[in-house]
Amino acid sequence: MFILDGCKYLCEMILYRCVQQINEIRKLTHSQRDLLNNLRINFDKPSQMKLYLKQLEHVDLLLQRVILIGVLLQLKCLIEEALQDVLHKRMPFLMITLEDFYSQYKTTTFSNDPQHHLLINEMISSTGTSTIIDSTLCQALINQKNSINNTNNSDQSSTNNESEEYILSCLIMVYIAVALPRLARLESTKYIVALDAHANNCHCLIRAINTLITTFFFEHGQRHIEDRCKEFLALASSSLLRLIDVDCGGQGNKYSNTNNNSTSNNSNGLTNDIIHKEATYILLEQFVNQCPYLTRDLLETCFPSSVLRNAFFIISSNIE
């Protein structure tokens, strides 16, 4: 009993920190919502995208907050894995029964009520078993939204808030997608093959992104979650593919500006050169691999598989 209560307390504290970071990300997104909406509409128009991206602000701060959310969620996952190992030893028959039930639940739709799905996911996650939906985080955000809506008594204002909340959630994912290329300019984005991780923990971005998408759009149904995952993949792919054009365009000046590049590093480890684009490409494949709503075939329609293979080859050949 002590183990269960202790794990629950730790997970709740971790998710409390996640909610704090999500609220800060909402503020950053709201301050640039018009610009992000233009980026969302014109993602297939390179000239306009280039113009809008120059006006985008607080990209580094956004990435830091999303990475922090990913690190916290990864810590929560480790706690749950430890709990699951203990319960498998103490209560193997109960664990097997719950796992069989959840495997059947994922392939069967017996209710359209979001609260039913939250209750089932909460029951399963309380045993340390990983679930598609983080019920505790979902409930925390739903309670926060309801408390805001309760301050507005009219139904019309409540409906407007619901619509605004949905649009803002979409723009948050757009913001993250177009910010990914920034990682290629950070020295700390180096991919460490032996650890299967990035030096600055940006691999935790993937867990954060998948969790945020399912959490933001859970109340609207699985179809909306799938659509937002596909939209994020399209935006992220389009943004990362521009690294190829930027890198090729900068090759002619690479050696002529040697003196300038030697002093191009700032206190955040940001350089003017694209030094870790291969390590950034890997994030896109990891997102698709971990997302239950996307397939490898869909990735290949958005991002060339040859580029991913070349990225893995370059990284593996540079092992020290």
Protein backbone atom coordinates (compact mmCIF):
# COMPACT_ATOMS: atom_id res chain seq x y z
CA MET A 1 0.00 0.00 0.00
CA PHE A 2 2.83 2.37 0.85
CA ILE A 3 4.45 1.69 -2.52
CA LEU A 4 1.24 2.51 -4.42
CA ASP A 5 0.59 5.72 -2.48
CA GLY A 6 4.21 6.81 -2.81
CA CYS A 7 4.27 6.23 -6.57
CA LYS A 8 0.95 8.01 -6.98
CA TYR A 9 2.21 11.00 -5.02
CA LEU A 10 5.42 11.22 -7.05
CA CYS A 11 3.54 10.96 -10.36
CA GLU A 12 1.05 13.64 -9.29
CA MET A 13 3.87 16.00 -8.36
CA ILE A 14 5.58 15.36 -11.69
CA LEU A 15 2.36 16.05 -13.61
CA TYR A 16 1.82 19.21 -11.56
CA ARG A 17 5.16 20.47 -12.89
CA CYS A 18 4.10 19.44 -16.41
CA VAL A 19 0.89 21.47 -16.14
CA GLN A 20 2.91 24.50 -15.06
CA GLN A 21 5.11 24.19 -18.16
CA ILE A 22 2.06 23.69 -20.41
CA ASN A 23 0.53 26.90 -19.08
CA GLU A 24 3.74 28.79 -19.86
CA ILE A 25 3.76 27.32 -23.39
CA ARG A 26 0.15 28.48 -23.83
CA LYS A 27 1.22 32.02 -22.96
CA LEU A 28 4.06 31.93 -25.50
CA THR A 29 1.71 30.58 -28.16
CA HIS A 30 -1.09 33.03 -27.45
CA SER A 31 1.27 35.99 -27.89
CA GLN A 32 2.05 34.83 -31.46
CA ARG A 33 -1.19 33.15 -32.47
CA ASP A 34 -1.68 35.17 -35.69
CA LEU A 35 1.83 34.38 -36.88
CA LEU A 36 1.47 30.68 -36.00
CA ASN A 37 -1.85 30.52 -37.81
CA ASN A 38 -0.14 31.86 -40.94
CA LEU A 39 2.57 29.21 -40.56
CA ARG A 40 -0.11 26.54 -40.24
CA ILE A 41 -1.92 27.64 -43.39
CA ASN A 42 1.15 28.24 -45.58
CA PHE A 43 3.39 25.31 -44.56
CA ASP A 44 3.64 24.21 -48.22
CA LYS A 45 4.78 27.67 -49.44
CA PRO A 46 8.55 27.96 -48.80
CA SER A 47 8.90 31.67 -49.56
CA GLN A 48 6.12 32.70 -47.17
CA MET A 49 7.27 30.22 -44.52
CA LYS A 50 10.76 31.70 -44.60
CA LEU A 51 9.32 35.18 -44.06
CA TYR A 52 7.09 34.10 -41.17
CA LEU A 53 9.80 32.03 -39.46
CA LYS A 54 12.04 35.10 -39.25
CA GLN A 55 9.35 36.80 -37.17
CA LEU A 56 8.90 33.85 -34.78
CA GLU A 57 10.14 34.55 -31.25
CA HIS A 58 10.99 32.59 -28.08
CA VAL A 59 11.82 29.40 -30.01
CA ASP A 60 14.64 28.40 -27.65
CA LEU A 61 12.45 28.99 -24.62
CA LEU A 62 9.69 26.85 -26.13
CA LEU A 63 12.06 23.96 -26.83
CA GLN A 64 13.46 24.13 -23.30
CA ARG A 65 9.98 23.89 -21.80
CA VAL A 66 8.90 21.01 -24.05
CA ILE A 67 12.13 19.12 -23.34
CA LEU A 68 11.53 19.65 -19.61
CA ILE A 69 8.03 18.19 -19.97
CA GLY A 70 9.54 15.21 -21.80
CA VAL A 71 12.14 14.66 -19.08
CA LEU A 72 9.45 14.78 -16.38
CA LEU A 73 7.25 12.32 -18.29
CA GLN A 74 10.24 10.03 -18.78
CA LEU A 75 10.88 10.09 -15.03
CA LYS A 76 7.22 9.25 -14.45
CA CYS A 77 7.55 6.33 -16.89
CA LEU A 78 10.55 4.96 -14.97
CA ILE A 79 8.62 5.14 -11.69
CA GLU A 80 5.70 3.27 -13.28
CA GLU A 81 8.00 0.61 -14.73
CA ALA A 82 9.49 0.01 -11.27
CA LEU A 83 5.98 -0.27 -9.80
CA GLN A 84 4.95 -2.68 -12.54
CA ASP A 85 7.94 -4.94 -11.83
CA VAL A 86 7.07 -5.09 -8.13
CA LEU A 87 3.38 -5.81 -8.76
CA HIS A 88 4.21 -8.53 -11.30
CA LYS A 89 6.15 -10.31 -8.54
CA ARG A 90 3.58 -9.71 -5.80
CA MET A 91 0.31 -10.06 -7.79
CA PRO A 92 1.03 -11.83 -11.09
CA PHE A 93 -2.51 -13.12 -11.71
CA LEU A 94 -4.12 -9.72 -11.17
CA MET A 95 -1.59 -8.02 -13.46
CA ILE A 96 -2.12 -10.56 -16.24
CA THR A 97 -5.89 -10.10 -15.97
CA LEU A 98 -5.64 -6.31 -16.20
CA GLU A 99 -3.22 -6.44 -19.13
CA ASP A 100 -5.54 -8.80 -21.03
CA PHE A 101 -8.47 -6.51 -20.29
CA TYR A 102 -6.61 -3.43 -21.54
CA SER A 103 -5.47 -5.16 -24.73
CA GLN A 104 -9.12 -5.97 -25.48
CA TYR A 105 -10.22 -2.47 -24.52
CA LYS A 106 -7.82 -0.84 -27.01
CA THR A 107 -9.39 -2.77 -29.90
CA THR A 108 -13.03 -2.37 -28.80
CA THR A 109 -15.13 0.79 -28.60
CA PHE A 110 -17.86 0.27 -26.03
CA SER A 111 -18.51 3.90 -25.03
CA ASN A 112 -18.14 7.39 -26.44
CA ASP A 113 -18.02 9.01 -23.02
CA PRO A 114 -14.53 10.46 -22.36
CA GLN A 115 -14.97 9.95 -18.62
CA HIS A 116 -15.27 6.19 -19.10
CA HIS A 117 -11.99 6.12 -21.00
CA LEU A 118 -10.33 8.23 -18.32
CA LEU A 119 -11.45 5.86 -15.59
CA ILE A 120 -10.19 2.78 -17.44
CA ASN A 121 -6.84 4.38 -18.25
CA GLU A 122 -6.48 5.54 -14.66
CA MET A 123 -7.17 2.01 -13.39
CA ILE A 124 -4.57 0.51 -15.72
CA SER A 125 -1.93 3.19 -15.16
CA SER A 126 -2.28 2.79 -11.37
CA THR A 127 -0.57 -0.60 -11.76
CA GLY A 128 2.35 0.94 -13.65
CA THR A 129 1.17 -0.32 -17.05
CA SER A 130 1.75 2.19 -19.84
CA THR A 131 -1.40 3.61 -21.44
CA ILE A 132 -2.03 5.59 -24.61
CA ILE A 133 -3.72 8.38 -22.66
CA ASP A 134 -2.28 9.92 -19.52
CA SER A 135 -5.52 10.06 -17.52
CA THR A 136 -4.09 12.11 -14.64
CA LEU A 137 -2.71 14.82 -16.92
CA CYS A 138 -5.95 14.85 -18.94
CA GLN A 139 -8.04 15.24 -15.81
CA ALA A 140 -5.79 18.02 -14.50
CA LEU A 141 -6.17 20.03 -17.71
CA ILE A 142 -9.92 19.34 -17.87
CA ASN A 143 -10.35 20.58 -14.28
CA GLN A 144 -8.32 23.67 -15.08
CA LYS A 145 -10.46 24.38 -18.14
CA ASN A 146 -13.70 23.83 -16.21
CA SER A 147 -12.60 26.21 -13.47
CA ILE A 148 -12.04 28.89 -16.10
CA ASN A 149 -15.40 28.19 -17.73
CA ASN A 150 -17.19 28.38 -14.37
CA THR A 151 -16.15 32.01 -14.06
CA ASN A 152 -18.17 32.67 -17.22
CA ASN A 153 -21.83 31.96 -16.56
CA SER A 154 -23.18 32.25 -20.11
CA ASP A 155 -23.29 29.23 -22.42
CA GLN A 156 -22.13 31.35 -25.35
CA SER A 157 -18.91 32.38 -23.62
CA SER A 158 -18.31 28.76 -22.59
CA THR A 159 -18.66 27.62 -26.22
CA ASN A 160 -16.31 30.36 -27.38
CA ASN A 161 -13.74 29.35 -24.78
CA GLU A 162 -13.98 25.74 -25.95
CA SER A 163 -13.30 26.78 -29.54
CA GLU A 164 -10.45 29.09 -28.54
CA GLU A 165 -8.91 26.32 -26.43
CA TYR A 166 -8.98 23.90 -29.36
CA ILE A 167 -7.39 26.40 -31.76
CA LEU A 168 -4.71 27.32 -29.23
CA SER A 169 -3.87 23.63 -28.72
CA CYS A 170 -3.48 23.22 -32.50
CA LEU A 171 -1.18 26.25 -32.65
CA ILE A 172 0.97 24.87 -29.82
CA MET A 173 1.69 21.79 -31.93
CA VAL A 174 2.42 24.03 -34.94
CA TYR A 175 4.82 26.06 -32.79
CA ILE A 176 6.71 22.93 -31.72
CA ALA A 177 6.82 21.51 -35.26
CA VAL A 178 8.35 24.63 -36.83
CA ALA A 179 10.79 25.00 -33.90
CA LEU A 180 12.42 21.58 -34.39
CA PRO A 181 15.03 22.76 -36.96
CA ARG A 182 16.45 25.03 -34.26
CA LEU A 183 17.87 21.94 -32.56
CA ALA A 184 20.20 21.34 -35.51
CA ARG A 185 22.12 24.52 -34.61
CA LEU A 186 22.72 23.52 -30.99
CA GLU A 187 26.02 21.87 -30.11
CA SER A 188 24.30 19.88 -27.36
CA THR A 189 21.99 18.11 -29.84
CA LYS A 190 24.74 15.58 -30.54
CA TYR A 191 23.35 12.03 -30.73
CA ILE A 192 25.13 9.50 -28.50
CA VAL A 193 24.78 6.08 -30.12
CA ALA A 194 25.89 4.12 -27.05
CA LEU A 195 23.08 5.68 -24.97
CA ASP A 196 20.55 5.91 -27.80
CA ALA A 197 19.94 9.48 -26.69
CA HIS A 198 20.82 13.11 -27.38
CA ALA A 199 23.20 14.98 -25.14
CA ASN A 200 20.64 17.73 -24.36
CA ASN A 201 17.78 15.26 -23.73
CA CYS A 202 15.90 16.44 -26.83
CA HIS A 203 14.96 12.79 -27.45
CA CYS A 204 12.49 13.33 -24.59
CA LEU A 205 10.70 15.77 -26.90
CA ILE A 206 9.03 12.80 -28.58
CA ARG A 207 7.35 11.53 -25.44
CA ALA A 208 6.23 15.07 -24.63
CA ILE A 209 4.80 15.65 -28.11
CA ASN A 210 2.87 12.38 -28.19
CA THR A 211 1.51 12.98 -24.69
CA LEU A 212 0.50 16.57 -25.45
CA ILE A 213 -1.37 15.63 -28.62
CA THR A 214 -3.38 12.86 -26.95
CA THR A 215 -4.03 15.07 -23.91
CA PHE A 216 -5.10 18.20 -25.79
CA PHE A 217 -7.51 16.46 -28.15
CA PHE A 218 -8.68 13.54 -26.03
CA GLU A 219 -12.15 15.02 -25.41
CA HIS A 220 -12.72 15.47 -29.14
CA GLY A 221 -12.27 11.80 -30.02
CA GLN A 222 -9.67 9.56 -31.64
CA ARG A 223 -10.31 10.99 -35.11
CA HIS A 224 -9.15 14.43 -33.99
CA ILE A 225 -6.05 12.96 -32.36
CA GLU A 226 -5.12 11.16 -35.59
CA ASP A 227 -5.68 14.31 -37.66
CA ARG A 228 -3.50 16.41 -35.36
CA CYS A 229 -0.74 13.75 -35.42
CA LYS A 230 -0.78 13.80 -39.22
CA GLU A 231 -0.75 17.59 -39.26
CA PHE A 232 2.22 17.68 -36.89
CA LEU A 233 4.09 15.14 -39.04
CA ALA A 234 3.47 17.19 -42.18
CA LEU A 235 4.62 20.44 -40.55
CA ALA A 236 7.67 18.88 -38.88
CA SER A 237 8.71 17.11 -42.10
CA SER A 238 8.36 20.29 -44.12
CA SER A 239 10.37 22.25 -41.57
CA LEU A 240 13.18 19.67 -41.30
CA LEU A 241 13.47 19.28 -45.07
CA ARG A 242 14.34 22.97 -45.29
CA LEU A 243 17.53 22.18 -43.38
CA ILE A 244 18.79 20.50 -46.54
CA ASP A 245 18.22 23.67 -48.60
CA VAL A 246 19.72 25.92 -45.93
CA ASP A 247 22.76 23.66 -45.50
CA CYS A 248 23.36 23.46 -49.25
CA GLY A 249 22.94 27.21 -49.60
CA GLY A 250 25.50 27.82 -46.89
CA GLN A 251 28.18 25.48 -48.22
CA GLY A 252 29.65 28.17 -50.48
CA ASN A 253 30.25 30.50 -47.56
CA LYS A 254 31.34 27.83 -45.13
CA TYR A 255 35.07 28.37 -45.53
CA SER A 256 35.03 32.03 -46.53
CA ASN A 257 33.55 32.98 -43.13
CA THR A 258 35.89 30.92 -40.96
CA ASN A 259 36.87 33.83 -38.76
CA ASN A 260 33.26 34.82 -38.16
CA ASN A 261 32.15 31.27 -37.42
CA SER A 262 34.86 30.83 -34.82
CA THR A 263 33.05 33.40 -32.66
CA SER A 264 29.51 32.43 -33.63
CA ASN A 265 28.77 30.45 -30.46
CA ASN A 266 26.68 32.13 -27.81
CA SER A 267 26.11 31.31 -24.17
CA ASN A 268 23.32 28.87 -25.09
CA GLY A 269 25.53 26.79 -27.36
CA LEU A 270 23.75 28.10 -30.46
CA THR A 271 25.84 28.36 -33.63
CA ASN A 272 25.24 29.91 -37.02
CA ASP A 273 25.99 26.58 -38.73
CA ILE A 274 23.76 23.54 -39.01
CA ILE A 275 25.96 21.05 -37.16
CA HIS A 276 23.55 18.32 -36.04
CA LYS A 277 20.88 18.04 -38.69
CA GLU A 278 21.21 14.23 -38.82
CA ALA A 279 20.57 13.98 -35.08
CA THR A 280 17.49 16.17 -35.58
CA TYR A 281 16.16 14.00 -38.44
CA ILE A 282 16.19 10.99 -36.11
CA LEU A 283 13.61 12.70 -33.89
CA LEU A 284 11.06 12.54 -36.69
CA GLU A 285 11.41 8.78 -37.05
CA GLN A 286 11.24 8.33 -33.27
CA PHE A 287 8.01 10.33 -33.21
CA VAL A 288 6.36 8.04 -35.75
CA ASN A 289 7.68 4.88 -34.05
CA GLN A 290 6.25 5.93 -30.68
CA CYS A 291 2.98 7.37 -31.97
CA PRO A 292 0.16 4.76 -31.96
CA TYR A 293 -1.77 6.72 -34.60
CA LEU A 294 0.89 6.91 -37.34
CA THR A 295 2.58 4.32 -39.56
CA ARG A 296 5.94 4.02 -41.26
CA ASP A 297 4.26 4.27 -44.66
CA LEU A 298 2.88 7.68 -43.78
CA LEU A 299 6.35 8.85 -42.73
CA GLU A 300 7.79 7.86 -46.11
CA THR A 301 5.18 9.97 -47.89
CA CYS A 302 6.26 13.04 -45.89
CA PHE A 303 9.99 12.52 -45.43
CA PRO A 304 12.41 10.67 -47.75
CA SER A 305 13.59 7.39 -46.25
CA SER A 306 16.94 7.88 -48.01
CA VAL A 307 17.57 10.97 -45.90
CA LEU A 308 16.89 9.01 -42.71
CA ARG A 309 19.15 6.15 -43.78
CA ASN A 310 21.92 8.59 -44.60
CA ALA A 311 21.46 10.28 -41.22
CA PHE A 312 21.87 6.98 -39.37
CA PHE A 313 24.92 6.13 -41.51
CA ILE A 314 26.63 9.46 -40.80
CA ILE A 315 25.96 9.22 -37.06
CA SER A 316 27.16 5.63 -36.81
CA SER A 317 30.31 6.41 -38.80
CA ASN A 318 31.19 9.25 -36.44
CA ILE A 319 31.26 7.09 -33.31
CA GLU A 320 34.28 8.06 -31.26
